[in-house]
C-alpha atoms as a PDB file:
ATOM      1  CA  MET A   1      27.697  91.623 125.290  1.00  0.00           C
ATOM      2  CA  ILE A   2      25.863  91.710 128.631  1.00  0.00           C
ATOM      3  CA  ARG A   3      28.040  88.862 129.921  1.00  0.00           C
ATOM      4  CA  THR A   4      31.203  90.797 129.029  1.00  0.00           C
ATOM      5  CA  ILE A   5      29.862  93.913 130.737  1.00  0.00           C
ATOM      6  CA  GLY A   6      29.062  91.881 133.855  1.00  0.00           C
ATOM      7  CA  ILE A   7      32.548  90.377 133.894  1.00  0.00           C
ATOM      8  CA  ALA A   8      34.097  93.833 133.479  1.00  0.00           C
ATOM      9  CA  ALA A   9      31.947  95.155 136.354  1.00  0.00           C
ATOM     10  CA  ALA A  10      33.004  92.269 138.587  1.00  0.00           C
ATOM     11  CA  ALA A  11      36.668  92.833 137.743  1.00  0.00           C
ATOM     12  CA  LEU A  12      36.379  96.568 138.440  1.00  0.00           C
ATOM     13  CA  GLY A  13      34.626  95.852 141.746  1.00  0.00           C
ATOM     14  CA  ALA A  14      37.216  93.295 142.803  1.00  0.00           C
ATOM     15  CA  THR A  15      40.120  95.578 141.952  1.00  0.00           C
ATOM     16  CA  ALA A  16      38.444  98.445 143.816  1.00  0.00           C
ATOM     17  CA  VAL A  17      38.386  96.318 146.966  1.00  0.00           C
ATOM     18  CA  LEU A  18      41.966  95.213 146.336  1.00  0.00           C
ATOM     19  CA  PHE A  19      43.144  98.794 145.784  1.00  0.00           C
ATOM     20  CA  GLY A  20      41.218  99.961 148.842  1.00  0.00           C
ATOM     21  CA  ALA A  21      42.918  97.365 151.016  1.00  0.00           C
ATOM     22  CA  PHE A  22      46.278  98.106 149.438  1.00  0.00           C
ATOM     23  CA  GLY A  23      45.849 101.802 150.187  1.00  0.00           C
ATOM     24  CA  ALA A  24      44.705 101.210 153.751  1.00  0.00           C
ATOM     25  CA  HIS A  25      47.380  98.691 154.673  1.00  0.00           C
ATOM     26  CA  MET A  26      50.373  99.056 152.394  1.00  0.00           C
ATOM     27  CA  LEU A  27      50.501 102.729 151.456  1.00  0.00           C
ATOM     28  CA  ARG A  28      50.097 104.225 154.930  1.00  0.00           C
ATOM     29  CA  GLY A  29      53.461 105.498 155.982  1.00  0.00           C
ATOM     30  CA  TYR A  30      54.626 105.776 152.378  1.00  0.00           C
ATOM     31  CA  LEU A  31      52.170 108.353 151.057  1.00  0.00           C
ATOM     32  CA  ASP A  32      51.283 111.635 152.679  1.00  0.00           C
ATOM     33  CA  GLU A  33      47.730 112.442 153.780  1.00  0.00           C
ATOM     34  CA  HIS A  34      46.892 114.296 150.545  1.00  0.00           C
ATOM     35  CA  ALA A  35      48.046 111.387 148.357  1.00  0.00           C
ATOM     36  CA  LEU A  36      46.062 108.907 150.486  1.00  0.00           C
ATOM     37  CA  LEU A  37      42.980 111.103 150.080  1.00  0.00           C
ATOM     38  CA  ILE A  38      43.416 111.025 146.291  1.00  0.00           C
ATOM     39  CA  TRP A  39      43.823 107.234 146.449  1.00  0.00           C
ATOM     40  CA  HIS A  40      40.686 106.880 148.579  1.00  0.00           C
ATOM     41  CA  THR A  41      38.701 109.129 146.221  1.00  0.00           C
ATOM     42  CA  SER A  42      39.688 106.927 143.302  1.00  0.00           C
ATOM     43  CA  VAL A  43      38.656 103.757 145.159  1.00  0.00           C
ATOM     44  CA  ASP A  44      35.284 105.332 146.007  1.00  0.00           C
ATOM     45  CA  TYR A  45      34.602 106.326 142.413  1.00  0.00           C
ATOM     46  CA  GLN A  46      35.704 102.941 141.136  1.00  0.00           C
ATOM     47  CA  ILE A  47      33.489 100.879 143.442  1.00  0.00           C
ATOM     48  CA  TRP A  48      30.375 103.020 142.969  1.00  0.00           C
ATOM     49  CA  HIS A  49      30.692 103.059 139.210  1.00  0.00           C
ATOM     50  CA  ALA A  50      31.526  99.343 139.084  1.00  0.00           C
ATOM     51  CA  LEU A  51      28.246  98.756 140.931  1.00  0.00           C
ATOM     52  CA  ALA A  52      26.450 100.920 138.376  1.00  0.00           C
ATOM     53  CA  VAL A  53      27.918  98.857 135.535  1.00  0.00           C
ATOM     54  CA  LEU A  54      26.948  95.658 137.356  1.00  0.00           C
ATOM     55  CA  ALA A  55      23.384  96.969 137.711  1.00  0.00           C
ATOM     56  CA  ILE A  56      23.288  97.719 134.003  1.00  0.00           C
ATOM     57  CA  ALA A  57      24.455  94.199 133.228  1.00  0.00           C
ATOM     58  CA  GLY A  58      21.679  92.892 135.458  1.00  0.00           C
ATOM     59  CA  ILE A  59      18.811  94.871 133.981  1.00  0.00           C
ATOM     60  CA  ALA A  60      19.780  95.294 130.344  1.00  0.00           C
ATOM     61  CA  ARG A  61      18.497  93.085 127.597  1.00  0.00           C
ATOM     62  CA  ALA A  62      20.880  92.092 124.820  1.00  0.00           C
ATOM     63  CA  ASP A  63      18.856  94.031 122.228  1.00  0.00           C
ATOM     64  CA  GLU A  64      18.995  97.353 124.089  1.00  0.00           C
ATOM     65  CA  LYS A  65      21.913  99.245 122.559  1.00  0.00           C
ATOM     66  CA  TRP A  66      21.699 102.239 124.898  1.00  0.00           C
ATOM     67  CA  TRP A  67      22.439 100.106 127.957  1.00  0.00           C
ATOM     68  CA  ALA A  68      25.584  98.726 126.353  1.00  0.00           C
ATOM     69  CA  ARG A  69      26.669 102.221 125.337  1.00  0.00           C
ATOM     70  CA  SER A  70      26.111 103.439 128.871  1.00  0.00           C
ATOM     71  CA  ALA A  71      28.058 100.551 130.398  1.00  0.00           C
ATOM     72  CA  TRP A  72      31.032 100.842 128.058  1.00  0.00           C
ATOM     73  CA  THR A  73      31.187 104.597 128.501  1.00  0.00           C
ATOM     74  CA  LEU A  74      31.217 104.120 132.278  1.00  0.00           C
ATOM     75  CA  ILE A  75      33.900 101.422 132.023  1.00  0.00           C
ATOM     76  CA  VAL A  76      36.223 103.615 129.961  1.00  0.00           C
ATOM     77  CA  GLY A  77      35.485 106.541 132.279  1.00  0.00           C
ATOM     78  CA  ILE A  78      36.370 104.442 135.327  1.00  0.00           C
ATOM     79  CA  VAL A  79      39.641 103.335 133.776  1.00  0.00           C
ATOM     80  CA  LEU A  80      40.695 106.851 132.748  1.00  0.00           C
ATOM     81  CA  PHE A  81      39.472 108.682 135.848  1.00  0.00           C
ATOM     82  CA  CYS A  82      40.597 106.214 138.474  1.00  0.00           C
ATOM     83  CA  SER A  83      43.886 105.127 136.917  1.00  0.00           C
ATOM     84  CA  SER A  84      44.975 108.753 136.567  1.00  0.00           C
ATOM     85  CA  LEU A  85      44.137 109.411 140.218  1.00  0.00           C
ATOM     86  CA  TYR A  86      45.941 106.249 141.353  1.00  0.00           C
ATOM     87  CA  ALA A  87      48.978 107.345 139.346  1.00  0.00           C
ATOM     88  CA  LEU A  88      48.889 110.865 140.796  1.00  0.00           C
ATOM     89  CA  ALA A  89      48.603 109.493 144.333  1.00  0.00           C
ATOM     90  CA  LEU A  90      51.673 107.354 143.699  1.00  0.00           C
ATOM     91  CA  GLY A  91      53.659 110.397 142.573  1.00  0.00           C
ATOM     92  CA  ALA A  92      53.238 110.430 138.794  1.00  0.00           C
ATOM     93  CA  GLN A  93      54.055 113.614 136.963  1.00  0.00           C
ATOM     94  CA  THR A  94      51.305 116.201 137.233  1.00  0.00           C
ATOM     95  CA  TRP A  95      50.533 116.123 133.486  1.00  0.00           C
ATOM     96  CA  ILE A  96      48.797 112.764 134.147  1.00  0.00           C
ATOM     97  CA  GLY A  97      46.112 114.867 135.833  1.00  0.00           C
ATOM     98  CA  VAL A  98      45.053 116.065 132.383  1.00  0.00           C
ATOM     99  CA  ILE A  99      43.477 112.621 131.857  1.00  0.00           C
ATOM    100  CA  THR A 100      41.266 112.830 134.958  1.00  0.00           C
ATOM    101  CA  PRO A 101      38.663 115.298 133.625  1.00  0.00           C
ATOM    102  CA  PHE A 102      38.240 113.266 130.442  1.00  0.00           C
ATOM    103  CA  GLY A 103      37.461 110.232 132.577  1.00  0.00           C
ATOM    104  CA  GLY A 104      35.057 112.339 134.624  1.00  0.00           C
ATOM    105  CA  LEU A 105      33.289 113.545 131.489  1.00  0.00           C
ATOM    106  CA  LEU A 106      32.904 109.933 130.362  1.00  0.00           C
ATOM    107  CA  LEU A 107      31.397 109.043 133.745  1.00  0.00           C
ATOM    108  CA  ILE A 108      28.884 111.871 133.338  1.00  0.00           C
ATOM    109  CA  ALA A 109      28.177 110.729 129.774  1.00  0.00           C
ATOM    110  CA  GLY A 110      27.705 107.142 130.971  1.00  0.00           C
ATOM    111  CA  TRP A 111      25.097 108.229 133.502  1.00  0.00           C
ATOM    112  CA  THR A 112      23.410 110.360 130.849  1.00  0.00           C
ATOM    113  CA  LEU A 113      23.313 107.381 128.485  1.00  0.00           C
ATOM    114  CA  ALA A 114      21.759 105.314 131.289  1.00  0.00           C
ATOM    115  CA  GLY A 115      19.010 107.919 131.438  1.00  0.00           C
ATOM    116  CA  VAL A 116      18.559 107.625 127.676  1.00  0.00           C
ATOM    117  CA  ALA A 117      18.410 103.836 128.043  1.00  0.00           C
ATOM    118  CA  PHE A 118      15.671 104.118 130.664  1.00  0.00           C
ATOM    119  CA  TRP A 119      13.800 106.593 128.467  1.00  0.00           C
ATOM    120  CA  CYS A 120      14.011 104.348 125.408  1.00  0.00           C
ATOM    121  CA  SER A 121      13.110 101.159 127.283  1.00  0.00           C
ATOM    122  CA  ALA A 122      10.124 102.860 128.948  1.00  0.00           C
ATOM    123  CA  SER A 123       8.863 104.350 125.694  1.00  0.00           C
ATOM    124  CA  SER A 124       9.111 101.026 123.852  1.00  0.00           C
ATOM    125  CA  LYS A 125       6.749  99.285 126.280  1.00  0.00           C
END
């Protein structure tokens, strides 16, 4: 499980860099300033949360269920939050924006679960 989480974190980090470069080099001139800001926001959230997932993969033990729950919640949150922002920046219909807060709530829940994981791992020692 930890290996899969680490691979997912690496993939999310790599695609964040790829999307950042794509936005900086290929989308300038095609998207307006507001759309580029949305794109950049999504890249920022993706890279920071990918690093959080990578950290979880690095510190979690296979028998600690709360770490896995935290990581998977963050991963799903990243996918929902960031993909909806990328789509909106590229001109998707505005109803796609309904997905964004659900992704954001999952990101908050993932961080909360990380706190629970720390609490449980500290209390078991």
